[in-house]
mmCIF file of all heavy atoms, coordinates in Angstrom:
data_MODEL
# 
_entry.id   MODEL 
# 
loop_
_atom_site.group_PDB 
_atom_site.id 
_atom_site.type_symbol 
_atom_site.label_atom_id 
_atom_site.label_alt_id 
_atom_site.label_comp_id 
_atom_site.label_asym_id 
_atom_site.label_entity_id 
_atom_site.label_seq_id 
_atom_site.pdbx_PDB_ins_code 
_atom_site.Cartn_x 
_atom_site.Cartn_y 
_atom_site.Cartn_z 
_atom_site.occupancy 
_atom_site.B_iso_or_equiv 
_atom_site.pdbx_formal_charge 
_atom_site.auth_seq_id 
_atom_site.auth_comp_id 
_atom_site.auth_asym_id 
_atom_site.auth_atom_id 
_atom_site.pdbx_PDB_model_num 
ATOM 1   N N   . GLU A 1 1  ? -15.014 -15.035 -44.813 1.00 0.00 ? 1  GLU A N   1 
ATOM 2   C CA  . GLU A 1 1  ? -13.689 -15.661 -44.914 1.00 0.00 ? 1  GLU A CA  1 
ATOM 3   C C   . GLU A 1 1  ? -12.979 -15.291 -46.209 1.00 0.00 ? 1  GLU A C   1 
ATOM 4   O O   . GLU A 1 1  ? -11.758 -15.397 -46.302 1.00 0.00 ? 1  GLU A O   1 
ATOM 5   C CB  . GLU A 1 1  ? -13.831 -17.179 -44.793 1.00 0.00 ? 1  GLU A CB  1 
ATOM 6   C CG  . GLU A 1 1  ? -14.291 -17.628 -43.407 1.00 0.00 ? 1  GLU A CG  1 
ATOM 7   C CD  . GLU A 1 1  ? -14.442 -19.129 -43.319 1.00 0.00 ? 1  GLU A CD  1 
ATOM 8   O OE1 . GLU A 1 1  ? -14.428 -19.784 -44.383 1.00 0.00 ? 1  GLU A OE1 1 
ATOM 9   O OE2 . GLU A 1 1  ? -14.571 -19.650 -42.190 1.00 0.00 ? 1  GLU A OE2 1 
ATOM 10  N N   . GLN A 1 2  ? -13.740 -14.881 -47.215 1.00 0.00 ? 2  GLN A N   1 
ATOM 11  C CA  . GLN A 1 2  ? -13.137 -14.463 -48.489 1.00 0.00 ? 2  GLN A CA  1 
ATOM 12  C C   . GLN A 1 2  ? -12.893 -12.948 -48.528 1.00 0.00 ? 2  GLN A C   1 
ATOM 13  O O   . GLN A 1 2  ? -12.626 -12.376 -49.579 1.00 0.00 ? 2  GLN A O   1 
ATOM 14  C CB  . GLN A 1 2  ? -14.055 -14.853 -49.659 1.00 0.00 ? 2  GLN A CB  1 
ATOM 15  C CG  . GLN A 1 2  ? -14.080 -16.345 -49.972 1.00 0.00 ? 2  GLN A CG  1 
ATOM 16  C CD  . GLN A 1 2  ? -14.832 -17.137 -48.917 1.00 0.00 ? 2  GLN A CD  1 
ATOM 17  O OE1 . GLN A 1 2  ? -15.931 -16.740 -48.517 1.00 0.00 ? 2  GLN A OE1 1 
ATOM 18  N NE2 . GLN A 1 2  ? -14.242 -18.250 -48.471 1.00 0.00 ? 2  GLN A NE2 1 
ATOM 19  N N   . ARG A 1 3  ? -13.011 -12.305 -47.369 1.00 0.00 ? 3  ARG A N   1 
ATOM 20  C CA  . ARG A 1 3  ? -12.786 -10.867 -47.221 1.00 0.00 ? 3  ARG A CA  1 
ATOM 21  C C   . ARG A 1 3  ? -13.837 -10.035 -47.954 1.00 0.00 ? 3  ARG A C   1 
ATOM 22  O O   . ARG A 1 3  ? -13.593 -8.864  -48.284 1.00 0.00 ? 3  ARG A O   1 
ATOM 23  C CB  . ARG A 1 3  ? -11.381 -10.464 -47.716 1.00 0.00 ? 3  ARG A CB  1 
ATOM 24  C CG  . ARG A 1 3  ? -10.256 -11.150 -46.979 1.00 0.00 ? 3  ARG A CG  1 
ATOM 25  C CD  . ARG A 1 3  ? -10.238 -10.781 -45.520 1.00 0.00 ? 3  ARG A CD  1 
ATOM 26  N NE  . ARG A 1 3  ? -9.168  -11.445 -44.790 1.00 0.00 ? 3  ARG A NE  1 
ATOM 27  C CZ  . ARG A 1 3  ? -8.994  -11.364 -43.471 1.00 0.00 ? 3  ARG A CZ  1 
ATOM 28  N NH1 . ARG A 1 3  ? -9.839  -10.634 -42.757 1.00 0.00 ? 3  ARG A NH1 1 
ATOM 29  N NH2 . ARG A 1 3  ? -7.998  -11.987 -42.886 1.00 0.00 ? 3  ARG A NH2 1 
ATOM 30  N N   . GLN A 1 4  ? -14.996 -10.617 -48.196 1.00 0.00 ? 4  GLN A N   1 
ATOM 31  C CA  . GLN A 1 4  ? -16.092 -9.864  -48.790 1.00 0.00 ? 4  GLN A CA  1 
ATOM 32  C C   . GLN A 1 4  ? -16.895 -9.191  -47.678 1.00 0.00 ? 4  GLN A C   1 
ATOM 33  O O   . GLN A 1 4  ? -17.209 -9.820  -46.662 1.00 0.00 ? 4  GLN A O   1 
ATOM 34  C CB  . GLN A 1 4  ? -16.995 -10.799 -49.601 1.00 0.00 ? 4  GLN A CB  1 
ATOM 35  C CG  . GLN A 1 4  ? -16.304 -11.438 -50.801 1.00 0.00 ? 4  GLN A CG  1 
ATOM 36  C CD  . GLN A 1 4  ? -15.822 -10.415 -51.811 1.00 0.00 ? 4  GLN A CD  1 
ATOM 37  O OE1 . GLN A 1 4  ? -16.583 -9.534  -52.232 1.00 0.00 ? 4  GLN A OE1 1 
ATOM 38  N NE2 . GLN A 1 4  ? -14.552 -10.525 -52.200 1.00 0.00 ? 4  GLN A NE2 1 
ATOM 39  N N   . GLN A 1 5  ? -17.236 -7.923  -47.877 1.00 0.00 ? 5  GLN A N   1 
ATOM 40  C CA  . GLN A 1 5  ? -17.953 -7.176  -46.845 1.00 0.00 ? 5  GLN A CA  1 
ATOM 41  C C   . GLN A 1 5  ? -19.384 -7.691  -46.721 1.00 0.00 ? 5  GLN A C   1 
ATOM 42  O O   . GLN A 1 5  ? -20.141 -7.712  -47.688 1.00 0.00 ? 5  GLN A O   1 
ATOM 43  C CB  . GLN A 1 5  ? -17.982 -5.685  -47.200 1.00 0.00 ? 5  GLN A CB  1 
ATOM 44  C CG  . GLN A 1 5  ? -18.303 -4.772  -46.029 1.00 0.00 ? 5  GLN A CG  1 
ATOM 45  C CD  . GLN A 1 5  ? -17.098 -4.538  -45.136 1.00 0.00 ? 5  GLN A CD  1 
ATOM 46  O OE1 . GLN A 1 5  ? -15.978 -4.398  -45.618 1.00 0.00 ? 5  GLN A OE1 1 
ATOM 47  N NE2 . GLN A 1 5  ? -17.321 -4.489  -43.833 1.00 0.00 ? 5  GLN A NE2 1 
ATOM 48  N N   . ILE A 1 6  ? -19.745 -8.104  -45.489 1.00 0.00 ? 6  ILE A N   1 
ATOM 49  C CA  . ILE A 1 6  ? -21.109 -8.577  -45.250 1.00 0.00 ? 6  ILE A CA  1 
ATOM 50  C C   . ILE A 1 6  ? -21.869 -7.672  -44.282 1.00 0.00 ? 6  ILE A C   1 
ATOM 51  O O   . ILE A 1 6  ? -23.084 -7.786  -44.150 1.00 0.00 ? 6  ILE A O   1 
ATOM 52  C CB  . ILE A 1 6  ? -21.111 -10.027 -44.711 1.00 0.00 ? 6  ILE A CB  1 
ATOM 53  C CG1 . ILE A 1 6  ? -20.293 -10.137 -43.416 1.00 0.00 ? 6  ILE A CG1 1 
ATOM 54  C CG2 . ILE A 1 6  ? -20.596 -10.992 -45.772 1.00 0.00 ? 6  ILE A CG2 1 
ATOM 55  C CD1 . ILE A 1 6  ? -20.340 -11.524 -42.774 1.00 0.00 ? 6  ILE A CD1 1 
ATOM 56  N N   . LEU A 1 7  ? -21.148 -6.778  -43.622 1.00 0.00 ? 7  LEU A N   1 
ATOM 57  C CA  . LEU A 1 7  ? -21.786 -5.806  -42.726 1.00 0.00 ? 7  LEU A CA  1 
ATOM 58  C C   . LEU A 1 7  ? -20.957 -4.536  -42.735 1.00 0.00 ? 7  LEU A C   1 
ATOM 59  O O   . LEU A 1 7  ? -19.737 -4.584  -42.521 1.00 0.00 ? 7  LEU A O   1 
ATOM 60  C CB  . LEU A 1 7  ? -21.896 -6.369  -41.298 1.00 0.00 ? 7  LEU A CB  1 
ATOM 61  C CG  . LEU A 1 7  ? -22.643 -5.498  -40.281 1.00 0.00 ? 7  LEU A CG  1 
ATOM 62  C CD1 . LEU A 1 7  ? -24.123 -5.388  -40.650 1.00 0.00 ? 7  LEU A CD1 1 
ATOM 63  C CD2 . LEU A 1 7  ? -22.513 -6.081  -38.859 1.00 0.00 ? 7  LEU A CD2 1 
ATOM 64  N N   . ILE A 1 8  ? -21.611 -3.396  -42.970 1.00 0.00 ? 8  ILE A N   1 
ATOM 65  C CA  . ILE A 1 8  ? -20.928 -2.107  -43.043 1.00 0.00 ? 8  ILE A CA  1 
ATOM 66  C C   . ILE A 1 8  ? -20.967 -1.423  -41.681 1.00 0.00 ? 8  ILE A C   1 
ATOM 67  O O   . ILE A 1 8  ? -22.027 -1.321  -41.062 1.00 0.00 ? 8  ILE A O   1 
ATOM 68  C CB  . ILE A 1 8  ? -21.589 -1.184  -44.092 1.00 0.00 ? 8  ILE A CB  1 
ATOM 69  C CG1 . ILE A 1 8  ? -21.621 -1.866  -45.465 1.00 0.00 ? 8  ILE A CG1 1 
ATOM 70  C CG2 . ILE A 1 8  ? -20.885 0.158   -44.157 1.00 0.00 ? 8  ILE A CG2 1 
ATOM 71  C CD1 . ILE A 1 8  ? -20.271 -2.085  -46.071 1.00 0.00 ? 8  ILE A CD1 1 
ATOM 72  N N   . ASP A 1 9  ? -19.811 -0.958  -41.211 1.00 0.00 ? 9  ASP A N   1 
ATOM 73  C CA  . ASP A 1 9  ? -19.751 -0.177  -39.973 1.00 0.00 ? 9  ASP A CA  1 
ATOM 74  C C   . ASP A 1 9  ? -20.520 1.127   -40.169 1.00 0.00 ? 9  ASP A C   1 
ATOM 75  O O   . ASP A 1 9  ? -20.388 1.797   -41.197 1.00 0.00 ? 9  ASP A O   1 
ATOM 76  C CB  . ASP A 1 9  ? -18.291 0.120   -39.614 1.00 0.00 ? 9  ASP A CB  1 
ATOM 77  C CG  . ASP A 1 9  ? -18.128 0.691   -38.210 1.00 0.00 ? 9  ASP A CG  1 
ATOM 78  O OD1 . ASP A 1 9  ? -18.679 1.781   -37.951 1.00 0.00 ? 9  ASP A OD1 1 
ATOM 79  O OD2 . ASP A 1 9  ? -17.446 0.068   -37.386 1.00 0.00 ? 9  ASP A OD2 1 
ATOM 80  N N   . TRP A 1 10 ? -21.340 1.498   -39.196 1.00 0.00 ? 10 TRP A N   1 
ATOM 81  C CA  . TRP A 1 10 ? -22.177 2.693   -39.309 1.00 0.00 ? 10 TRP A CA  1 
ATOM 82  C C   . TRP A 1 10 ? -21.378 3.969   -39.536 1.00 0.00 ? 10 TRP A C   1 
ATOM 83  O O   . TRP A 1 10 ? -21.898 4.974   -40.025 1.00 0.00 ? 10 TRP A O   1 
ATOM 84  C CB  . TRP A 1 10 ? -23.056 2.858   -38.066 1.00 0.00 ? 10 TRP A CB  1 
ATOM 85  C CG  . TRP A 1 10 ? -22.292 3.193   -36.810 1.00 0.00 ? 10 TRP A CG  1 
ATOM 86  C CD1 . TRP A 1 10 ? -21.676 2.328   -35.963 1.00 0.00 ? 10 TRP A CD1 1 
ATOM 87  C CD2 . TRP A 1 10 ? -22.065 4.502   -36.270 1.00 0.00 ? 10 TRP A CD2 1 
ATOM 88  N NE1 . TRP A 1 10 ? -21.070 2.996   -34.925 1.00 0.00 ? 10 TRP A NE1 1 
ATOM 89  C CE2 . TRP A 1 10 ? -21.298 4.331   -35.084 1.00 0.00 ? 10 TRP A CE2 1 
ATOM 90  C CE3 . TRP A 1 10 ? -22.438 5.787   -36.651 1.00 0.00 ? 10 TRP A CE3 1 
ATOM 91  C CZ2 . TRP A 1 10 ? -20.900 5.400   -34.288 1.00 0.00 ? 10 TRP A CZ2 1 
ATOM 92  C CZ3 . TRP A 1 10 ? -22.030 6.859   -35.865 1.00 0.00 ? 10 TRP A CZ3 1 
ATOM 93  C CH2 . TRP A 1 10 ? -21.271 6.666   -34.696 1.00 0.00 ? 10 TRP A CH2 1 
ATOM 94  N N   . ARG A 1 11 ? -20.086 3.941   -39.191 1.00 0.00 ? 11 ARG A N   1 
ATOM 95  C CA  . ARG A 1 11 ? -19.248 5.124   -39.334 1.00 0.00 ? 11 ARG A CA  1 
ATOM 96  C C   . ARG A 1 11 ? -18.570 5.216   -40.693 1.00 0.00 ? 11 ARG A C   1 
ATOM 97  O O   . ARG A 1 11 ? -17.969 6.238   -41.024 1.00 0.00 ? 11 ARG A O   1 
ATOM 98  C CB  . ARG A 1 11 ? -18.190 5.141   -38.224 1.00 0.00 ? 11 ARG A CB  1 
ATOM 99  C CG  . ARG A 1 11 ? -18.780 5.265   -36.846 1.00 0.00 ? 11 ARG A CG  1 
ATOM 100 C CD  . ARG A 1 11 ? -17.796 4.901   -35.754 1.00 0.00 ? 11 ARG A CD  1 
ATOM 101 N NE  . ARG A 1 11 ? -17.505 3.460   -35.744 1.00 0.00 ? 11 ARG A NE  1 
ATOM 102 C CZ  . ARG A 1 11 ? -16.840 2.834   -34.775 1.00 0.00 ? 11 ARG A CZ  1 
ATOM 103 N NH1 . ARG A 1 11 ? -16.400 3.522   -33.742 1.00 0.00 ? 11 ARG A NH1 1 
ATOM 104 N NH2 . ARG A 1 11 ? -16.618 1.542   -34.839 1.00 0.00 ? 11 ARG A NH2 1 
ATOM 105 N N   . ALA A 1 12 ? -18.615 4.128   -41.455 1.00 0.00 ? 12 ALA A N   1 
ATOM 106 C CA  . ALA A 1 12 ? -17.941 4.098   -42.748 1.00 0.00 ? 12 ALA A CA  1 
ATOM 107 C C   . ALA A 1 12 ? -18.654 5.015   -43.752 1.00 0.00 ? 12 ALA A C   1 
ATOM 108 O O   . ALA A 1 12 ? -19.869 5.224   -43.667 1.00 0.00 ? 12 ALA A O   1 
ATOM 109 C CB  . ALA A 1 12 ? -17.915 2.666   -43.279 1.00 0.00 ? 12 ALA A CB  1 
ATOM 110 N N   . PRO A 1 13 ? -17.915 5.574   -44.720 1.00 0.00 ? 13 PRO A N   1 
ATOM 111 C CA  . PRO A 1 13 ? -18.551 6.435   -45.731 1.00 0.00 ? 13 PRO A CA  1 
ATOM 112 C C   . PRO A 1 13 ? -19.719 5.751   -46.438 1.00 0.00 ? 13 PRO A C   1 
ATOM 113 O O   . PRO A 1 13 ? -20.707 6.410   -46.784 1.00 0.00 ? 13 PRO A O   1 
ATOM 114 C CB  . PRO A 1 13 ? -17.393 6.735   -46.693 1.00 0.00 ? 13 PRO A CB  1 
ATOM 115 C CG  . PRO A 1 13 ? -16.158 6.640   -45.841 1.00 0.00 ? 13 PRO A CG  1 
ATOM 116 C CD  . PRO A 1 13 ? -16.441 5.524   -44.867 1.00 0.00 ? 13 PRO A CD  1 
ATOM 117 N N   . ALA A 1 14 ? -19.617 4.434   -46.625 1.00 0.00 ? 14 ALA A N   1 
ATOM 118 C CA  . ALA A 1 14 ? -20.677 3.706   -47.328 1.00 0.00 ? 14 ALA A CA  1 
ATOM 119 C C   . ALA A 1 14 ? -21.987 3.690   -46.557 1.00 0.00 ? 14 ALA A C   1 
ATOM 120 O O   . ALA A 1 14 ? -23.045 3.402   -47.127 1.00 0.00 ? 14 ALA A O   1 
ATOM 121 C CB  . ALA A 1 14 ? -20.230 2.267   -47.602 1.00 0.00 ? 14 ALA A CB  1 
ATOM 122 N N   . ALA A 1 15 ? -21.928 3.993   -45.252 1.00 0.00 ? 15 ALA A N   1 
ATOM 123 C CA  . ALA A 1 15 ? -23.138 3.961   -44.426 1.00 0.00 ? 15 ALA A CA  1 
ATOM 124 C C   . ALA A 1 15 ? -23.812 5.327   -44.324 1.00 0.00 ? 15 ALA A C   1 
ATOM 125 O O   . ALA A 1 15 ? -24.901 5.425   -43.758 1.00 0.00 ? 15 ALA A O   1 
ATOM 126 C CB  . ALA A 1 15 ? -22.801 3.446   -43.030 1.00 0.00 ? 15 ALA A CB  1 
ATOM 127 N N   . GLU A 1 16 ? -23.190 6.369   -44.854 1.00 0.00 ? 16 GLU A N   1 
ATOM 128 C CA  . GLU A 1 16 ? -23.743 7.716   -44.685 1.00 0.00 ? 16 GLU A CA  1 
ATOM 129 C C   . GLU A 1 16 ? -25.155 7.834   -45.241 1.00 0.00 ? 16 GLU A C   1 
ATOM 130 O O   . GLU A 1 16 ? -26.014 8.522   -44.683 1.00 0.00 ? 16 GLU A O   1 
ATOM 131 C CB  . GLU A 1 16 ? -22.828 8.750   -45.347 1.00 0.00 ? 16 GLU A CB  1 
ATOM 132 C CG  . GLU A 1 16 ? -21.521 8.972   -44.597 1.00 0.00 ? 16 GLU A CG  1 
ATOM 133 C CD  . GLU A 1 16 ? -20.719 10.124  -45.170 1.00 0.00 ? 16 GLU A CD  1 
ATOM 134 O OE1 . GLU A 1 16 ? -21.350 11.114  -45.603 1.00 0.00 ? 16 GLU A OE1 1 
ATOM 135 O OE2 . GLU A 1 16 ? -19.477 10.041  -45.195 1.00 0.00 ? 16 GLU A OE2 1 
ATOM 136 N N   . ARG A 1 17 ? -25.411 7.145   -46.349 1.00 0.00 ? 17 ARG A N   1 
ATOM 137 C CA  . ARG A 1 17 ? -26.729 7.262   -46.976 1.00 0.00 ? 17 ARG A CA  1 
ATOM 138 C C   . ARG A 1 17 ? -27.844 6.691   -46.090 1.00 0.00 ? 17 ARG A C   1 
ATOM 139 O O   . ARG A 1 17 ? -29.005 7.069   -46.244 1.00 0.00 ? 17 ARG A O   1 
ATOM 140 C CB  . ARG A 1 17 ? -26.728 6.569   -48.339 1.00 0.00 ? 17 ARG A CB  1 
ATOM 141 C CG  . ARG A 1 17 ? -25.904 7.318   -49.375 1.00 0.00 ? 17 ARG A CG  1 
ATOM 142 C CD  . ARG A 1 17 ? -26.118 6.763   -50.771 1.00 0.00 ? 17 ARG A CD  1 
ATOM 143 N NE  . ARG A 1 17 ? -25.527 5.434   -50.925 1.00 0.00 ? 17 ARG A NE  1 
ATOM 144 C CZ  . ARG A 1 17 ? -25.606 4.710   -52.053 1.00 0.00 ? 17 ARG A CZ  1 
ATOM 145 N NH1 . ARG A 1 17 ? -26.255 5.186   -53.105 1.00 0.00 ? 17 ARG A NH1 1 
ATOM 146 N NH2 . ARG A 1 17 ? -25.043 3.530   -52.128 1.00 0.00 ? 17 ARG A NH2 1 
ATOM 147 N N   . PHE A 1 18 ? -27.478 5.793   -45.189 1.00 0.00 ? 18 PHE A N   1 
ATOM 148 C CA  . PHE A 1 18 ? -28.491 5.245   -44.281 1.00 0.00 ? 18 PHE A CA  1 
ATOM 149 C C   . PHE A 1 18 ? -29.090 6.348   -43.412 1.00 0.00 ? 18 PHE A C   1 
ATOM 150 O O   . PHE A 1 18 ? -30.269 6.309   -43.042 1.00 0.00 ? 18 PHE A O   1 
ATOM 151 C CB  . PHE A 1 18 ? -27.865 4.163   -43.389 1.00 0.00 ? 18 PHE A CB  1 
ATOM 152 C CG  . PHE A 1 18 ? -28.840 3.495   -42.459 1.00 0.00 ? 18 PHE A CG  1 
ATOM 153 C CD1 . PHE A 1 18 ? -29.726 2.536   -42.917 1.00 0.00 ? 18 PHE A CD1 1 
ATOM 154 C CD2 . PHE A 1 18 ? -28.879 3.842   -41.117 1.00 0.00 ? 18 PHE A CD2 1 
ATOM 155 C CE1 . PHE A 1 18 ? -30.629 1.918   -42.056 1.00 0.00 ? 18 PHE A CE1 1 
ATOM 156 C CE2 . PHE A 1 18 ? -29.778 3.234   -40.242 1.00 0.00 ? 18 PHE A CE2 1 
ATOM 157 C CZ  . PHE A 1 18 ? -30.658 2.275   -40.719 1.00 0.00 ? 18 PHE A CZ  1 
ATOM 158 N N   . TYR A 1 19 ? -28.275 7.344   -43.078 1.00 0.00 ? 19 TYR A N   1 
ATOM 159 C CA  . TYR A 1 19 ? -28.718 8.435   -42.212 1.00 0.00 ? 19 TYR A CA  1 
ATOM 160 C C   . TYR A 1 19 ? -29.132 9.686   -42.980 1.00 0.00 ? 19 TYR A C   1 
ATOM 161 O O   . TYR A 1 19 ? -29.986 10.448  -42.519 1.00 0.00 ? 19 TYR A O   1 
ATOM 162 C CB  . TYR A 1 19 ? -27.606 8.788   -41.225 1.00 0.00 ? 19 TYR A CB  1 
ATOM 163 C CG  . TYR A 1 19 ? -27.185 7.637   -40.350 1.00 0.00 ? 19 TYR A CG  1 
ATOM 164 C CD1 . TYR A 1 19 ? -25.984 6.970   -40.562 1.00 0.00 ? 19 TYR A CD1 1 
ATOM 165 C CD2 . TYR A 1 19 ? -28.004 7.200   -39.313 1.00 0.00 ? 19 TYR A CD2 1 
ATOM 166 C CE1 . TYR A 1 19 ? -25.602 5.907   -39.763 1.00 0.00 ? 19 TYR A CE1 1 
ATOM 167 C CE2 . TYR A 1 19 ? -27.627 6.131   -38.503 1.00 0.00 ? 19 TYR A CE2 1 
ATOM 168 C CZ  . TYR A 1 19 ? -26.423 5.488   -38.738 1.00 0.00 ? 19 TYR A CZ  1 
ATOM 169 O OH  . TYR A 1 19 ? -26.063 4.426   -37.945 1.00 0.00 ? 19 TYR A OH  1 
ATOM 170 N N   . GLN A 1 20 ? -28.519 9.908   -44.130 1.00 0.00 ? 20 GLN A N   1 
ATOM 171 C CA  . GLN A 1 20 ? -28.706 11.186  -44.817 1.00 0.00 ? 20 GLN A CA  1 
ATOM 172 C C   . GLN A 1 20 ? -29.778 11.179  -45.898 1.00 0.00 ? 20 GLN A C   1 
ATOM 173 O O   . GLN A 1 20 ? -30.319 12.231  -46.240 1.00 0.00 ? 20 GLN A O   1 
ATOM 174 C CB  . GLN A 1 20 ? -27.377 11.629  -45.445 1.00 0.00 ? 20 GLN A CB  1 
ATOM 175 C CG  . GLN A 1 20 ? -26.305 11.999  -44.435 1.00 0.00 ? 20 GLN A CG  1 
ATOM 176 C CD  . GLN A 1 20 ? -26.657 13.252  -43.668 1.00 0.00 ? 20 GLN A CD  1 
ATOM 177 O OE1 . GLN A 1 20 ? -27.355 14.122  -44.170 1.00 0.00 ? 20 GLN A OE1 1 
ATOM 178 N NE2 . GLN A 1 20 ? -26.194 13.347  -42.428 1.00 0.00 ? 20 GLN A NE2 1 
ATOM 179 N N   . SER A 1 21 ? -30.104 10.018  -46.441 1.00 0.00 ? 21 SER A N   1 
ATOM 180 C CA  . SER A 1 21 ? -31.068 9.958   -47.539 1.00 0.00 ? 21 SER A CA  1 
ATOM 181 C C   . SER A 1 21 ? -32.462 10.334  -47.067 1.00 0.00 ? 21 SER A C   1 
ATOM 182 O O   . SER A 1 21 ? -32.887 9.974   -45.964 1.00 0.00 ? 21 SER A O   1 
ATOM 183 C CB  . SER A 1 21 ? -31.085 8.548   -48.136 1.00 0.00 ? 21 SER A CB  1 
ATOM 184 O OG  . SER A 1 21 ? -29.815 8.212   -48.655 1.00 0.00 ? 21 SER A OG  1 
ATOM 185 N N   . THR A 1 22 ? -33.186 11.046  -47.913 1.00 0.00 ? 22 THR A N   1 
ATOM 186 C CA  . THR A 1 22 ? -34.560 11.445  -47.616 1.00 0.00 ? 22 THR A CA  1 
ATOM 187 C C   . THR A 1 22 ? -35.420 11.196  -48.853 1.00 0.00 ? 22 THR A C   1 
ATOM 188 O O   . THR A 1 22 ? -34.906 10.943  -49.954 1.00 0.00 ? 22 THR A O   1 
ATOM 189 C CB  . THR A 1 22 ? -34.640 12.935  -47.253 1.00 0.00 ? 22 THR A CB  1 
ATOM 190 O OG1 . THR A 1 22 ? -34.255 13.711  -48.405 1.00 0.00 ? 22 THR A OG1 1 
ATOM 191 C CG2 . THR A 1 22 ? -33.737 13.270  -46.079 1.00 0.00 ? 22 THR A CG2 1 
ATOM 192 N N   . ALA A 1 23 ? -36.725 11.281  -48.661 1.00 0.00 ? 23 ALA A N   1 
ATOM 193 C CA  . ALA A 1 23 ? -37.622 11.118  -49.799 1.00 0.00 ? 23 ALA A CA  1 
ATOM 194 C C   . ALA A 1 23 ? -37.387 12.214  -50.836 1.00 0.00 ? 23 ALA A C   1 
ATOM 195 O O   . ALA A 1 23 ? -37.517 11.988  -52.048 1.00 0.00 ? 23 ALA A O   1 
ATOM 196 C CB  . ALA A 1 23 ? -39.070 11.139  -49.318 1.00 0.00 ? 23 ALA A CB  1 
ATOM 197 N N   . ALA A 1 24 ? -37.035 13.406  -50.374 1.00 0.00 ? 24 ALA A N   1 
ATOM 198 C CA  . ALA A 1 24 ? -36.756 14.509  -51.295 1.00 0.00 ? 24 ALA A CA  1 
ATOM 199 C C   . ALA A 1 24 ? -35.434 14.303  -52.024 1.00 0.00 ? 24 ALA A C   1 
ATOM 200 O O   . ALA A 1 24 ? -35.260 14.752  -53.158 1.00 0.00 ? 24 ALA A O   1 
ATOM 201 C CB  . ALA A 1 24 ? -36.740 15.828  -50.537 1.00 0.00 ? 24 ALA A CB  1 
# 
């Protein structure tokens, strides 16, 4: 309700690391 992000859309730039990050 305060416009604070509580869930990131998988397509948003902020979510890219969820798919692209690796141990290397």
